[in-house]
PDB file of N, CA and C in Angstrom:
ATOM      1  N   MET A   1       0.832  -1.188   0.000  1.00  0.00           N
ATOM      2  CA  MET A   1       0.000   0.000   0.000  1.00  0.00           C
ATOM      3  C   MET A   1       0.873   1.247   0.000  1.00  0.00           C
ATOM      4  N   GLY A   2       0.389   2.253  -0.655  1.00  0.00           N
ATOM      5  CA  GLY A   2       1.069   3.531  -0.631  1.00  0.00           C
ATOM      6  C   GLY A   2       2.292   3.633  -1.521  1.00  0.00           C
ATOM      7  N   ALA A   3       2.466   2.709  -2.474  1.00  0.00           N
ATOM      8  CA  ALA A   3       3.647   2.766  -3.345  1.00  0.00           C
ATOM      9  C   ALA A   3       3.735   4.102  -4.069  1.00  0.00           C
ATOM     10  N   ILE A   4       2.588   4.677  -4.399  1.00  0.00           N
ATOM     11  CA  ILE A   4       2.598   5.951  -5.113  1.00  0.00           C
ATOM     12  C   ILE A   4       3.284   7.042  -4.292  1.00  0.00           C
ATOM     13  N   PHE A   5       3.252   6.916  -2.964  1.00  0.00           N
ATOM     14  CA  PHE A   5       3.869   7.921  -2.108  1.00  0.00           C
ATOM     15  C   PHE A   5       5.370   7.713  -1.960  1.00  0.00           C
ATOM     16  N   ARG A   6       5.890   6.623  -2.482  1.00  0.00           N
ATOM     17  CA  ARG A   6       7.320   6.341  -2.408  1.00  0.00           C
ATOM     18  C   ARG A   6       7.984   6.369  -3.777  1.00  0.00           C
ATOM     19  N   GLN A   7       7.257   6.816  -4.790  1.00  0.00           N
ATOM     20  CA  GLN A   7       7.791   6.904  -6.144  1.00  0.00           C
ATOM     21  C   GLN A   7       7.785   8.366  -6.576  1.00  0.00           C
ATOM     22  N   ASP A   8       8.818   8.754  -7.303  1.00  0.00           N
ATOM     23  CA  ASP A   8       8.843  10.097  -7.881  1.00  0.00           C
ATOM     24  C   ASP A   8       8.027  10.071  -9.164  1.00  0.00           C
ATOM     25  N   ILE A   9       7.026  10.937  -9.247  1.00  0.00           N
ATOM     26  CA  ILE A   9       6.144  10.988 -10.408  1.00  0.00           C
ATOM     27  C   ILE A   9       6.171  12.413 -10.952  1.00  0.00           C
ATOM     28  N   CYS A  10       6.385  12.540 -12.268  1.00  0.00           N
ATOM     29  CA  CYS A  10       6.371  13.859 -12.878  1.00  0.00           C
ATOM     30  C   CYS A  10       5.936  13.741 -14.333  1.00  0.00           C
ATOM     31  N   GLU A  11       5.541  14.863 -14.889  1.00  0.00           N
ATOM     32  CA  GLU A  11       5.155  14.923 -16.294  1.00  0.00           C
ATOM     33  C   GLU A  11       6.248  15.670 -17.039  1.00  0.00           C
ATOM     34  N   LEU A  12       6.767  15.057 -18.105  1.00  0.00           N
ATOM     35  CA  LEU A  12       7.875  15.633 -18.855  1.00  0.00           C
ATOM     36  C   LEU A  12       7.530  15.731 -20.331  1.00  0.00           C
ATOM     37  N   SER A  13       8.122  16.706 -21.001  1.00  0.00           N
ATOM     38  CA  SER A  13       7.959  16.821 -22.453  1.00  0.00           C
ATOM     39  C   SER A  13       8.931  15.872 -23.142  1.00  0.00           C
ATOM     40  N   LEU A  14       8.745  15.668 -24.441  1.00  0.00           N
ATOM     41  CA  LEU A  14       9.681  14.847 -25.208  1.00  0.00           C
ATOM     42  C   LEU A  14      11.078  15.449 -25.162  1.00  0.00           C
ATOM     43  N   GLY A  15      11.159  16.757 -25.209  1.00  0.00           N
ATOM     44  CA  GLY A  15      12.453  17.432 -25.119  1.00  0.00           C
ATOM     45  C   GLY A  15      13.141  17.159 -23.792  1.00  0.00           C
ATOM     46  N   ASP A  16      12.348  17.196 -22.704  1.00  0.00           N
ATOM     47  CA  ASP A  16      12.903  16.890 -21.382  1.00  0.00           C
ATOM     48  C   ASP A  16      13.432  15.467 -21.338  1.00  0.00           C
ATOM     49  N   LEU A  17      12.656  14.523 -21.888  1.00  0.00           N
ATOM     50  CA  LEU A  17      13.076  13.118 -21.888  1.00  0.00           C
ATOM     51  C   LEU A  17      14.324  12.910 -22.729  1.00  0.00           C
ATOM     52  N   ALA A  18      14.397  13.567 -23.875  1.00  0.00           N
ATOM     53  CA  ALA A  18      15.586  13.457 -24.721  1.00  0.00           C
ATOM     54  C   ALA A  18      16.810  13.987 -23.993  1.00  0.00           C
ATOM     55  N   MET A  19      16.643  15.100 -23.270  1.00  0.00           N
ATOM     56  CA  MET A  19      17.755  15.672 -22.507  1.00  0.00           C
ATOM     57  C   MET A  19      18.194  14.709 -21.400  1.00  0.00           C
ATOM     58  N   LEU A  20      17.243  14.114 -20.700  1.00  0.00           N
ATOM     59  CA  LEU A  20      17.579  13.159 -19.642  1.00  0.00           C
ATOM     60  C   LEU A  20      18.284  11.932 -20.214  1.00  0.00           C
ATOM     61  N   LYS A  21      17.825  11.465 -21.374  1.00  0.00           N
ATOM     62  CA  LYS A  21      18.477  10.318 -22.020  1.00  0.00           C
ATOM     63  C   LYS A  21      19.911  10.669 -22.380  1.00  0.00           C
ATOM     64  N   ASP A  22      20.116  11.875 -22.913  1.00  0.00           N
ATOM     65  CA  ASP A  22      21.465  12.320 -23.265  1.00  0.00           C
ATOM     66  C   ASP A  22      22.374  12.390 -22.039  1.00  0.00           C
ATOM     67  N   LYS A  23      21.786  12.603 -20.868  1.00  0.00           N
ATOM     68  CA  LYS A  23      22.564  12.665 -19.622  1.00  0.00           C
ATOM     69  C   LYS A  23      22.746  11.295 -18.984  1.00  0.00           C
ATOM     70  N   GLY A  24      22.282  10.239 -19.686  1.00  0.00           N
ATOM     71  CA  GLY A  24      22.518   8.885 -19.208  1.00  0.00           C
ATOM     72  C   GLY A  24      21.397   8.248 -18.404  1.00  0.00           C
ATOM     73  N   GLU A  25      20.256   8.926 -18.288  1.00  0.00           N
ATOM     74  CA  GLU A  25      19.125   8.332 -17.573  1.00  0.00           C
ATOM     75  C   GLU A  25      18.533   7.198 -18.405  1.00  0.00           C
ATOM     76  N   ARG A  26      18.049   6.176 -17.731  1.00  0.00           N
ATOM     77  CA  ARG A  26      17.454   5.016 -18.402  1.00  0.00           C
ATOM     78  C   ARG A  26      15.953   5.218 -18.551  1.00  0.00           C
ATOM     79  N   LEU A  27      15.474   5.160 -19.786  1.00  0.00           N
ATOM     80  CA  LEU A  27      14.057   5.351 -20.074  1.00  0.00           C
ATOM     81  C   LEU A  27      13.421   4.020 -20.443  1.00  0.00           C
ATOM     82  N   ILE A  28      12.264   3.754 -19.864  1.00  0.00           N
ATOM     83  CA  ILE A  28      11.532   2.517 -20.129  1.00  0.00           C
ATOM     84  C   ILE A  28      10.114   2.891 -20.555  1.00  0.00           C
ATOM     85  N   GLY A  29       9.663   2.314 -21.659  1.00  0.00           N
ATOM     86  CA  GLY A  29       8.312   2.554 -22.159  1.00  0.00           C
ATOM     87  C   GLY A  29       7.435   1.333 -21.961  1.00  0.00           C
ATOM     88  N   ALA A  30       6.263   1.532 -21.394  1.00  0.00           N
ATOM     89  CA  ALA A  30       5.300   0.435 -21.231  1.00  0.00           C
ATOM     90  C   ALA A  30       4.524   0.276 -22.528  1.00  0.00           C
ATOM     91  N   SER A  31       4.388  -0.975 -22.983  1.00  0.00           N
ATOM     92  CA  SER A  31       3.735  -1.236 -24.261  1.00  0.00           C
ATOM     93  C   SER A  31       3.126  -2.634 -24.262  1.00  0.00           C
ATOM     94  N   VAL A  32       2.253  -2.881 -25.217  1.00  0.00           N
ATOM     95  CA  VAL A  32       1.700  -4.224 -25.415  1.00  0.00           C
ATOM     96  C   VAL A  32       2.191  -4.824 -26.726  1.00  0.00           C
ATOM     97  N   SER A  33       3.116  -4.154 -27.391  1.00  0.00           N
ATOM     98  CA  SER A  33       3.591  -4.623 -28.689  1.00  0.00           C
ATOM     99  C   SER A  33       4.530  -5.819 -28.557  1.00  0.00           C
ATOM    100  N   ASP A  34       4.734  -6.515 -29.665  1.00  0.00           N
ATOM    101  CA  ASP A  34       5.650  -7.646 -29.693  1.00  0.00           C
ATOM    102  C   ASP A  34       7.068  -7.169 -29.393  1.00  0.00           C
ATOM    103  N   GLY A  35       7.854  -8.031 -28.812  1.00  0.00           N
ATOM    104  CA  GLY A  35       9.253  -7.717 -28.540  1.00  0.00           C
ATOM    105  C   GLY A  35       9.502  -7.005 -27.227  1.00  0.00           C
ATOM    106  N   CYS A  36       8.453  -6.761 -26.453  1.00  0.00           N
ATOM    107  CA  CYS A  36       8.629  -6.119 -25.150  1.00  0.00           C
ATOM    108  C   CYS A  36       9.045  -7.159 -24.120  1.00  0.00           C
ATOM    109  N   ARG A  37       9.838  -6.745 -23.155  1.00  0.00           N
ATOM    110  CA  ARG A  37      10.256  -7.649 -22.085  1.00  0.00           C
ATOM    111  C   ARG A  37       9.227  -7.639 -20.963  1.00  0.00           C
ATOM    112  N   ASP A  38       9.130  -8.734 -20.252  1.00  0.00           N
ATOM    113  CA  ASP A  38       8.240  -8.867 -19.103  1.00  0.00           C
ATOM    114  C   ASP A  38       8.735  -7.925 -18.004  1.00  0.00           C
ATOM    115  N   ILE A  39       7.842  -7.154 -17.436  1.00  0.00           N
ATOM    116  CA  ILE A  39       8.180  -6.173 -16.400  1.00  0.00           C
ATOM    117  C   ILE A  39       8.875  -6.821 -15.204  1.00  0.00           C
ATOM    118  N   ARG A  40       8.609  -8.103 -14.980  1.00  0.00           N
ATOM    119  CA  ARG A  40       9.216  -8.808 -13.840  1.00  0.00           C
ATOM    120  C   ARG A  40      10.660  -9.210 -14.110  1.00  0.00           C
ATOM    121  N   ASP A  41      11.092  -9.108 -15.369  1.00  0.00           N
ATOM    122  CA  ASP A  41      12.422  -9.589 -15.746  1.00  0.00           C
ATOM    123  C   ASP A  41      13.481  -8.499 -15.862  1.00  0.00           C
ATOM    124  N   ILE A  42      13.128  -7.254 -15.556  1.00  0.00           N
ATOM    125  CA  ILE A  42      14.118  -6.178 -15.642  1.00  0.00           C
ATOM    126  C   ILE A  42      14.143  -5.384 -14.351  1.00  0.00           C
ATOM    127  N   SER A  43      15.236  -4.715 -14.116  1.00  0.00           N
ATOM    128  CA  SER A  43      15.337  -3.835 -12.953  1.00  0.00           C
ATOM    129  C   SER A  43      14.690  -2.496 -13.291  1.00  0.00           C
ATOM    130  N   LEU A  44      13.854  -2.032 -12.399  1.00  0.00           N
ATOM    131  CA  LEU A  44      13.219  -0.727 -12.568  1.00  0.00           C
ATOM    132  C   LEU A  44      13.919   0.343 -11.735  1.00  0.00           C
ATOM    133  N   LYS A  45      14.922  -0.061 -10.983  1.00  0.00           N
ATOM    134  CA  LYS A  45      15.607   0.860 -10.074  1.00  0.00           C
ATOM    135  C   LYS A  45      16.218   2.030 -10.850  1.00  0.00           C
ATOM    136  N   GLY A  46      15.840   3.227 -10.463  1.00  0.00           N
ATOM    137  CA  GLY A  46      16.371   4.435 -11.054  1.00  0.00           C
ATOM    138  C   GLY A  46      15.879   4.744 -12.458  1.00  0.00           C
ATOM    139  N   ALA A  47      14.944   3.977 -12.958  1.00  0.00           N
ATOM    140  CA  ALA A  47      14.463   4.177 -14.333  1.00  0.00           C
ATOM    141  C   ALA A  47      13.364   5.229 -14.391  1.00  0.00           C
ATOM    142  N   ILE A  48      13.274   5.862 -15.532  1.00  0.00           N
ATOM    143  CA  ILE A  48      12.152   6.748 -15.842  1.00  0.00           C
ATOM    144  C   ILE A  48      11.211   5.913 -16.694  1.00  0.00           C
ATOM    145  N   ILE A  49       9.960   5.775 -16.242  1.00  0.00           N
ATOM    146  CA  ILE A  49       9.016   4.883 -16.905  1.00  0.00           C
ATOM    147  C   ILE A  49       7.886   5.703 -17.507  1.00  0.00           C
ATOM    148  N   ALA A  50       7.623   5.485 -18.794  1.00  0.00           N
ATOM    149  CA  ALA A  50       6.563   6.190 -19.498  1.00  0.00           C
ATOM    150  C   ALA A  50       5.362   5.270 -19.679  1.00  0.00           C
ATOM    151  N   ILE A  51       4.183   5.805 -19.384  1.00  0.00           N
ATOM    152  CA  ILE A  51       2.915   5.090 -19.532  1.00  0.00           C
ATOM    153  C   ILE A  51       2.060   5.873 -20.518  1.00  0.00           C
ATOM    154  N   GLY A  52       1.514   5.195 -21.517  1.00  0.00           N
ATOM    155  CA  GLY A  52       0.652   5.860 -22.486  1.00  0.00           C
ATOM    156  C   GLY A  52      -0.817   5.617 -22.193  1.00  0.00           C
ATOM    157  N   SER A  53      -1.662   6.146 -23.044  1.00  0.00           N
ATOM    158  CA  SER A  53      -3.101   5.953 -22.881  1.00  0.00           C
ATOM    159  C   SER A  53      -3.477   4.537 -23.293  1.00  0.00           C
ATOM    160  N   GLU A  54      -4.632   4.087 -22.807  1.00  0.00           N
ATOM    161  CA  GLU A  54      -5.090   2.735 -23.135  1.00  0.00           C
ATOM    162  C   GLU A  54      -5.305   2.565 -24.633  1.00  0.00           C
ATOM    163  N   GLY A  55      -5.920   3.521 -25.258  1.00  0.00           N
ATOM    164  CA  GLY A  55      -6.235   3.394 -26.679  1.00  0.00           C
ATOM    165  C   GLY A  55      -5.054   3.625 -27.604  1.00  0.00           C
ATOM    166  N   GLY A  56      -4.219   4.594 -27.278  1.00  0.00           N
ATOM    167  CA  GLY A  56      -3.139   4.972 -28.187  1.00  0.00           C
ATOM    168  C   GLY A  56      -1.745   4.559 -27.764  1.00  0.00           C
ATOM    169  N   GLY A  57      -1.573   4.247 -26.507  1.00  0.00           N
ATOM    170  CA  GLY A  57      -0.239   3.904 -26.027  1.00  0.00           C
ATOM    171  C   GLY A  57       0.702   5.092 -26.103  1.00  0.00           C
ATOM    172  N   LEU A  58       1.986   4.821 -26.178  1.00  0.00           N
ATOM    173  CA  LEU A  58       2.993   5.869 -26.287  1.00  0.00           C
ATOM    174  C   LEU A  58       3.252   6.170 -27.764  1.00  0.00           C
ATOM    175  N   SER A  59       3.606   7.403 -28.054  1.00  0.00           N
ATOM    176  CA  SER A  59       3.888   7.780 -29.442  1.00  0.00           C
ATOM    177  C   SER A  59       5.155   7.076 -29.933  1.00  0.00           C
ATOM    178  N   ALA A  60       5.256   6.932 -31.243  1.00  0.00           N
ATOM    179  CA  ALA A  60       6.452   6.322 -31.835  1.00  0.00           C
ATOM    180  C   ALA A  60       7.691   7.140 -31.486  1.00  0.00           C
ATOM    181  N   GLU A  61       7.541   8.454 -31.439  1.00  0.00           N
ATOM    182  CA  GLU A  61       8.670   9.331 -31.102  1.00  0.00           C
ATOM    183  C   GLU A  61       9.159   9.069 -29.678  1.00  0.00           C
ATOM    184  N   LEU A  62       8.220   8.942 -28.736  1.00  0.00           N
ATOM    185  CA  LEU A  62       8.612   8.664 -27.355  1.00  0.00           C
ATOM    186  C   LEU A  62       9.218   7.265 -27.240  1.00  0.00           C
ATOM    187  N   MET A  63       8.611   6.286 -27.907  1.00  0.00           N
ATOM    188  CA  MET A  63       9.142   4.920 -27.841  1.00  0.00           C
ATOM    189  C   MET A  63      10.556   4.849 -28.409  1.00  0.00           C
ATOM    190  N   SER A  64      10.868   5.688 -29.388  1.00  0.00           N
ATOM    191  CA  SER A  64      12.214   5.672 -29.964  1.00  0.00           C
ATOM    192  C   SER A  64      13.258   6.178 -28.974  1.00  0.00           C
ATOM    193  N   LEU A  65      12.839   6.938 -27.973  1.00  0.00           N
ATOM    194  CA  LEU A  65      13.764   7.418 -26.937  1.00  0.00           C
ATOM    195  C   LEU A  65      14.055   6.361 -25.874  1.00  0.00           C
ATOM    196  N   CYS A  66      13.182   5.367 -25.769  1.00  0.00           N
ATOM    197  CA  CYS A  66      13.280   4.395 -24.683  1.00  0.00           C
ATOM    198  C   CYS A  66      14.402   3.389 -24.909  1.00  0.00           C
ATOM    199  N   HIS A  67      15.118   3.094 -23.827  1.00  0.00           N
ATOM    200  CA  HIS A  67      16.153   2.060 -23.856  1.00  0.00           C
ATOM    201  C   HIS A  67      15.523   0.676 -23.913  1.00  0.00           C
ATOM    202  N   GLU A  68      14.408   0.525 -23.198  1.00  0.00           N
ATOM    203  CA  GLU A  68      13.717  -0.766 -23.159  1.00  0.00           C
ATOM    204  C   GLU A  68      12.224  -0.541 -23.254  1.00  0.00           C
ATOM    205  N   LYS A  69      11.546  -1.562 -23.778  1.00  0.00           N
ATOM    206  CA  LYS A  69      10.092  -1.569 -23.836  1.00  0.00           C
ATOM    207  C   LYS A  69       9.622  -2.766 -23.028  1.00  0.00           C
ATOM    208  N   VAL A  70       8.705  -2.513 -22.113  1.00  0.00           N
ATOM    209  CA  VAL A  70       8.254  -3.568 -21.215  1.00  0.00           C
ATOM    210  C   VAL A  70       6.747  -3.759 -21.309  1.00  0.00           C
ATOM    211  N   ARG A  71       6.323  -4.952 -20.886  1.00  0.00           N
ATOM    212  CA  ARG A  71       4.896  -5.260 -20.856  1.00  0.00           C
ATOM    213  C   ARG A  71       4.544  -5.844 -19.499  1.00  0.00           C
ATOM    214  N   ILE A  72       3.308  -5.690 -19.141  1.00  0.00           N
ATOM    215  CA  ILE A  72       2.759  -6.319 -17.943  1.00  0.00           C
ATOM    216  C   ILE A  72       2.106  -7.610 -18.413  1.00  0.00           C
ATOM    217  N   PRO A  73       2.506  -8.753 -17.852  1.00  0.00           N
ATOM    218  CA  PRO A  73       1.895 -10.007 -18.303  1.00  0.00           C
ATOM    219  C   PRO A  73       0.397 -10.017 -17.998  1.00  0.00           C
ATOM    220  N   MET A  74      -0.386 -10.439 -18.995  1.00  0.00           N
ATOM    221  CA  MET A  74      -1.837 -10.461 -18.847  1.00  0.00           C
ATOM    222  C   MET A  74      -2.397 -11.738 -19.458  1.00  0.00           C
ATOM    223  N   SER A  75      -3.604 -12.041 -19.096  1.00  0.00           N
ATOM    224  CA  SER A  75      -4.337 -13.156 -19.676  1.00  0.00           C
ATOM    225  C   SER A  75      -4.540 -12.898 -21.173  1.00  0.00           C
ATOM    226  N   GLN A  76      -4.628 -13.967 -21.942  1.00  0.00           N
ATOM    227  CA  GLN A  76      -4.862 -13.839 -23.385  1.00  0.00           C
ATOM    228  C   GLN A  76      -6.194 -13.140 -23.690  1.00  0.00           C
ATOM    229  N   GLN A  77      -7.127 -13.160 -22.757  1.00  0.00           N
ATOM    230  CA  GLN A  77      -8.433 -12.524 -22.972  1.00  0.00           C
ATOM    231  C   GLN A  77      -8.364 -11.003 -22.820  1.00  0.00           C
ATOM    232  N   CYS A  78      -7.272 -10.479 -22.267  1.00  0.00           N
ATOM    233  CA  CYS A  78      -7.123  -9.035 -22.069  1.00  0.00           C
ATOM    234  C   CYS A  78      -6.333  -8.432 -23.214  1.00  0.00           C
ATOM    235  N   GLN A  79      -6.811  -7.321 -23.732  1.00  0.00           N
ATOM    236  CA  GLN A  79      -6.082  -6.618 -24.791  1.00  0.00           C
ATOM    237  C   GLN A  79      -5.145  -5.575 -24.212  1.00  0.00           C
ATOM    238  N   SER A  80      -5.605  -4.868 -23.177  1.00  0.00           N
ATOM    239  CA  SER A  80      -4.807  -3.794 -22.591  1.00  0.00           C
ATOM    240  C   SER A  80      -5.348  -3.475 -21.204  1.00  0.00           C
ATOM    241  N   LEU A  81      -4.623  -2.616 -20.519  1.00  0.00           N
ATOM    242  CA  LEU A  81      -5.042  -2.150 -19.198  1.00  0.00           C
ATOM    243  C   LEU A  81      -5.281  -0.647 -19.256  1.00  0.00           C
ATOM    244  N   ASN A  82      -6.153  -0.161 -18.419  1.00  0.00           N
ATOM    245  CA  ASN A  82      -6.328   1.263 -18.218  1.00  0.00           C
ATOM    246  C   ASN A  82      -4.972   1.832 -17.795  1.00  0.00           C
ATOM    247  N   ALA A  83      -4.626   3.031 -18.266  1.00  0.00           N
ATOM    248  CA  ALA A  83      -3.311   3.619 -17.977  1.00  0.00           C
ATOM    249  C   ALA A  83      -3.059   3.744 -16.473  1.00  0.00           C
ATOM    250  N   ALA A  84      -4.082   4.113 -15.714  1.00  0.00           N
ATOM    251  CA  ALA A  84      -3.903   4.250 -14.264  1.00  0.00           C
ATOM    252  C   ALA A  84      -3.602   2.901 -13.619  1.00  0.00           C
ATOM    253  N   ILE A  85      -4.269   1.850 -14.076  1.00  0.00           N
ATOM    254  CA  ILE A  85      -4.028   0.511 -13.546  1.00  0.00           C
ATOM    255  C   ILE A  85      -2.628   0.047 -13.916  1.00  0.00           C
ATOM    256  N   ALA A  86      -2.220   0.276 -15.174  1.00  0.00           N
ATOM    257  CA  ALA A  86      -0.874  -0.100 -15.601  1.00  0.00           C
ATOM    258  C   ALA A  86       0.176   0.638 -14.778  1.00  0.00           C
ATOM    259  N   ALA A  87      -0.031   1.927 -14.561  1.00  0.00           N
ATOM    260  CA  ALA A  87       0.919   2.706 -13.755  1.00  0.00           C
ATOM    261  C   ALA A  87       1.000   2.166 -12.330  1.00  0.00           C
ATOM    262  N   ALA A  88      -0.154   1.813 -11.757  1.00  0.00           N
ATOM    263  CA  ALA A  88      -0.167   1.276 -10.397  1.00  0.00           C
ATOM    264  C   ALA A  88       0.601  -0.047 -10.320  1.00  0.00           C
ATOM    265  N   ILE A  89       0.399  -0.906 -11.300  1.00  0.00           N
ATOM    266  CA  ILE A  89       1.104  -2.194 -11.305  1.00  0.00           C
ATOM    267  C   ILE A  89       2.609  -1.978 -11.434  1.00  0.00           C
ATOM    268  N   ILE A  90       3.011  -1.079 -12.310  1.00  0.00           N
ATOM    269  CA  ILE A  90       4.444  -0.821 -12.498  1.00  0.00           C
ATOM    270  C   ILE A  90       5.041  -0.183 -11.253  1.00  0.00           C
ATOM    271  N   MET A  91       4.332   0.740 -10.616  1.00  0.00           N
ATOM    272  CA  MET A  91       4.842   1.330  -9.361  1.00  0.00           C
ATOM    273  C   MET A  91       4.947   0.271  -8.275  1.00  0.00           C
ATOM    274  N   TRP A  92       3.979  -0.648  -8.218  1.00  0.00           N
ATOM    275  CA  TRP A  92       4.045  -1.726  -7.236  1.00  0.00           C
ATOM    276  C   TRP A  92       5.281  -2.580  -7.493  1.00  0.00           C
ATOM    277  N   GLU A  93       5.527  -2.931  -8.744  1.00  0.00           N
ATOM    278  CA  GLU A  93       6.692  -3.745  -9.079  1.00  0.00           C
ATOM    279  C   GLU A  93       7.987  -3.016  -8.733  1.00  0.00           C
ATOM    280  N   ALA A  94       8.039  -1.720  -9.022  1.00  0.00           N
ATOM    281  CA  ALA A  94       9.229  -0.929  -8.683  1.00  0.00           C
ATOM    282  C   ALA A  94       9.447  -0.885  -7.174  1.00  0.00           C
ATOM    283  N   ALA A  95       8.386  -0.654  -6.415  1.00  0.00           N
ATOM    284  CA  ALA A  95       8.493  -0.629  -4.950  1.00  0.00           C
ATOM    285  C   ALA A  95       8.868  -1.981  -4.406  1.00  0.00           C
ATOM    286  N   ASN A  96       8.325  -3.043  -4.998  1.00  0.00           N
ATOM    287  CA  ASN A  96       8.626  -4.411  -4.586  1.00  0.00           C
ATOM    288  C   ASN A  96      10.113  -4.726  -4.823  1.00  0.00           C
ATOM    289  N   GLN A  97      10.643  -4.298  -5.949  1.00  0.00           N
ATOM    290  CA  GLN A  97      12.057  -4.510  -6.232  1.00  0.00           C
ATOM    291  C   GLN A  97      12.932  -3.770  -5.245  1.00  0.00           C
ATOM    292  N   LEU A  98      12.565  -2.556  -4.883  1.00  0.00           N
ATOM    293  CA  LEU A  98      13.350  -1.779  -3.927  1.00  0.00           C
ATOM    294  C   LEU A  98      13.323  -2.410  -2.546  1.00  0.00           C
ATOM    295  N   SER A  99      12.169  -2.917  -2.140  1.00  0.00           N
ATOM    296  CA  SER A  99      12.067  -3.519  -0.802  1.00  0.00           C
ATOM    297  C   SER A  99      12.776  -4.864  -0.718  1.00  0.00           C
ATOM    298  N   ALA A 100      13.036  -5.500  -1.863  1.00  0.00           N
ATOM    299  CA  ALA A 100      13.720  -6.799  -1.885  1.00  0.00           C
ATOM    300  C   ALA A 100      15.231  -6.644  -1.746  1.00  0.00           C
ATOM    301  N   GLU A 101      15.737  -5.422  -1.889  1.00  0.00           N
ATOM    302  CA  GLU A 101      17.189  -5.206  -1.810  1.00  0.00           C
ATOM    303  C   GLU A 101      17.698  -5.306  -0.398  1.00  0.00           C
TER     304      GLU A 101
END
C-alpha cells in the first residue's frame, strides 16, 4: 500500500526526456507490442518509466527514446489495461524490487 507515495512521479515533455536520455538516464516505455520484455524480468531501479493511454499507447517518437520496452503479463483474454491501472502495477513492481534489496 502507498507505493505511489514512495515513487517520484512527474510529467515531462519529449524534449525533457531526450535531454535526460542524453545525460545517461534510463528510459523505459510500457507497451503491449511484440518484442517487449516482461516487467518482472528487468530492474526498474532508477528508471524513468513512461505510460501511455489505453487506446493509443505511447507515441512512436517517445518509444524511440526508450532504452527498453516492457509489458505487464496479462491473460490472453485481455487486450490492454487502463493507464492508471498499468501505472499502479508498475509502481508496485518498482516498490517491490526496492524492498527486496
